[in-house]
Amino acid sequence: MIEEDAHELSKSIKGVFEEKRQVHTEMFLYNSLGEKKLLYILQTPRIDENSNVKHIVCAAVDITERGKFEDELFKTTIIKTSDAI
């Protein structure tokens, strides 16, 4: 993980501790092979009896292909819309 990625992820985690609520984010991160991946990240705080965050459970799903598909769909829509005008 490069330093910029670590900083962005750290800011997101800090927000979960401060707000004490579940956070959904999409973030580009680099994997161990140096490939840029788009991840959907879900961060869920576990709250103790004193309303303090004990820990955070994180789950991430690689949605890179979905992101590429959405980009292509957007480009196609723009082209078709401009052809209609």
C-alpha atoms as a PDB file:
ATOM      1  CA  MET A   1       0.000   0.000   0.000  1.00  0.00           C
ATOM      2  CA  ILE A   2       1.407   3.356  -0.960  1.00  0.00           C
ATOM      3  CA  GLU A   3       1.487   6.226   1.512  1.00  0.00           C
ATOM      4  CA  GLU A   4      -1.389   8.150  -0.128  1.00  0.00           C
ATOM      5  CA  ASP A   5      -3.623   5.059   0.023  1.00  0.00           C
ATOM      6  CA  ALA A   6      -2.774   4.499   3.675  1.00  0.00           C
ATOM      7  CA  HIS A   7      -3.589   8.132   4.464  1.00  0.00           C
ATOM      8  CA  GLU A   8      -7.011   7.980   2.759  1.00  0.00           C
ATOM      9  CA  LEU A   9      -7.890   4.701   4.466  1.00  0.00           C
ATOM     10  CA  SER A  10      -6.730   6.093   7.811  1.00  0.00           C
ATOM     11  CA  LYS A  11      -9.012   9.139   7.407  1.00  0.00           C
ATOM     12  CA  SER A  12     -11.944   6.850   6.679  1.00  0.00           C
ATOM     13  CA  ILE A  13     -11.288   4.688   9.744  1.00  0.00           C
ATOM     14  CA  LYS A  14     -10.864   7.767  11.941  1.00  0.00           C
ATOM     15  CA  GLY A  15     -14.299   8.935  10.769  1.00  0.00           C
ATOM     16  CA  VAL A  16     -15.856   5.645  11.904  1.00  0.00           C
ATOM     17  CA  PHE A  17     -14.337   6.088  15.389  1.00  0.00           C
ATOM     18  CA  GLU A  18     -15.520   9.696  15.606  1.00  0.00           C
ATOM     19  CA  GLU A  19     -19.031   9.225  14.231  1.00  0.00           C
ATOM     20  CA  LYS A  20     -19.609   5.760  15.718  1.00  0.00           C
ATOM     21  CA  ARG A  21     -21.548   4.659  12.673  1.00  0.00           C
ATOM     22  CA  GLN A  22     -21.138   2.355   9.697  1.00  0.00           C
ATOM     23  CA  VAL A  23     -19.358   3.886   6.712  1.00  0.00           C
ATOM     24  CA  HIS A  24     -19.543   2.780   3.067  1.00  0.00           C
ATOM     25  CA  THR A  25     -16.834   4.051   0.727  1.00  0.00           C
ATOM     26  CA  GLU A  26     -15.405   3.374  -2.697  1.00  0.00           C
ATOM     27  CA  MET A  27     -11.700   3.904  -2.962  1.00  0.00           C
ATOM     28  CA  PHE A  28      -8.906   3.230  -5.415  1.00  0.00           C
ATOM     29  CA  LEU A  29      -6.046   1.297  -3.814  1.00  0.00           C
ATOM     30  CA  TYR A  30      -3.022  -0.519  -5.209  1.00  0.00           C
ATOM     31  CA  ASN A  31      -2.673  -4.246  -4.588  1.00  0.00           C
ATOM     32  CA  SER A  32       0.588  -6.085  -3.889  1.00  0.00           C
ATOM     33  CA  LEU A  33       1.224  -6.399  -7.649  1.00  0.00           C
ATOM     34  CA  GLY A  34       0.987  -2.644  -8.104  1.00  0.00           C
ATOM     35  CA  GLU A  35      -2.391  -2.856  -9.867  1.00  0.00           C
ATOM     36  CA  LYS A  36      -4.862  -0.044  -9.214  1.00  0.00           C
ATOM     37  CA  LYS A  37      -8.125  -1.523  -7.923  1.00  0.00           C
ATOM     38  CA  LEU A  38     -11.472   0.064  -7.113  1.00  0.00           C
ATOM     39  CA  LEU A  39     -12.736  -1.285  -3.793  1.00  0.00           C
ATOM     40  CA  TYR A  40     -16.091  -1.017  -2.090  1.00  0.00           C
ATOM     41  CA  ILE A  41     -15.247  -0.819   1.616  1.00  0.00           C
ATOM     42  CA  LEU A  42     -17.698  -1.315   4.476  1.00  0.00           C
ATOM     43  CA  GLN A  43     -16.488  -0.310   7.949  1.00  0.00           C
ATOM     44  CA  THR A  44     -18.684  -1.226  10.904  1.00  0.00           C
ATOM     45  CA  PRO A  45     -17.878  -0.118  14.465  1.00  0.00           C
ATOM     46  CA  ARG A  46     -18.466  -2.475  17.377  1.00  0.00           C
ATOM     47  CA  ILE A  47     -19.692  -0.428  20.314  1.00  0.00           C
ATOM     48  CA  ASP A  48     -19.227  -1.445  23.961  1.00  0.00           C
ATOM     49  CA  GLU A  49     -21.644  -0.898  26.861  1.00  0.00           C
ATOM     50  CA  ASN A  50     -20.167   2.593  27.462  1.00  0.00           C
ATOM     51  CA  SER A  51     -20.827   3.671  23.853  1.00  0.00           C
ATOM     52  CA  ASN A  52     -17.139   3.503  22.962  1.00  0.00           C
ATOM     53  CA  VAL A  53     -15.881   1.934  19.769  1.00  0.00           C
ATOM     54  CA  LYS A  54     -14.164  -1.313  20.776  1.00  0.00           C
ATOM     55  CA  HIS A  55     -13.014  -2.149  17.256  1.00  0.00           C
ATOM     56  CA  ILE A  56     -14.018  -1.838  13.625  1.00  0.00           C
ATOM     57  CA  VAL A  57     -14.947  -4.709  11.335  1.00  0.00           C
ATOM     58  CA  CYS A  58     -13.910  -3.970   7.750  1.00  0.00           C
ATOM     59  CA  ALA A  59     -14.857  -5.766   4.568  1.00  0.00           C
ATOM     60  CA  ALA A  60     -13.773  -4.883   1.034  1.00  0.00           C
ATOM     61  CA  VAL A  61     -14.909  -6.087  -2.379  1.00  0.00           C
ATOM     62  CA  ASP A  62     -12.996  -5.510  -5.614  1.00  0.00           C
ATOM     63  CA  ILE A  63     -15.417  -3.654  -7.900  1.00  0.00           C
ATOM     64  CA  THR A  64     -12.868  -2.626 -10.525  1.00  0.00           C
ATOM     65  CA  GLU A  65     -14.702  -4.347 -13.365  1.00  0.00           C
ATOM     66  CA  ARG A  66     -18.010  -2.786 -12.346  1.00  0.00           C
ATOM     67  CA  GLY A  67     -16.329   0.615 -12.367  1.00  0.00           C
ATOM     68  CA  LYS A  68     -14.984   0.014 -15.879  1.00  0.00           C
ATOM     69  CA  PHE A  69     -18.444  -1.076 -17.044  1.00  0.00           C
ATOM     70  CA  GLU A  70     -20.050   2.044 -15.543  1.00  0.00           C
ATOM     71  CA  ASP A  71     -17.455   4.262 -17.277  1.00  0.00           C
ATOM     72  CA  GLU A  72     -18.157   2.609 -20.645  1.00  0.00           C
ATOM     73  CA  LEU A  73     -21.916   2.877 -20.133  1.00  0.00           C
ATOM     74  CA  PHE A  74     -21.558   6.573 -19.309  1.00  0.00           C
ATOM     75  CA  LYS A  75     -19.416   7.203 -22.400  1.00  0.00           C
ATOM     76  CA  THR A  76     -21.894   5.336 -24.604  1.00  0.00           C
ATOM     77  CA  THR A  77     -24.804   7.310 -23.154  1.00  0.00           C
ATOM     78  CA  ILE A  78     -23.001  10.613 -23.805  1.00  0.00           C
ATOM     79  CA  ILE A  79     -22.236   9.622 -27.407  1.00  0.00           C
ATOM     80  CA  LYS A  80     -25.822   8.513 -28.089  1.00  0.00           C
ATOM     81  CA  THR A  81     -27.226  11.660 -26.448  1.00  0.00           C
ATOM     82  CA  SER A  82     -24.998  13.950 -28.511  1.00  0.00           C
ATOM     83  CA  ASP A  83     -25.988  12.044 -31.702  1.00  0.00           C
ATOM     84  CA  ALA A  84     -29.657  12.677 -30.896  1.00  0.00           C
ATOM     85  CA  ILE A  85     -29.122  16.424 -30.521  1.00  0.00           C
END
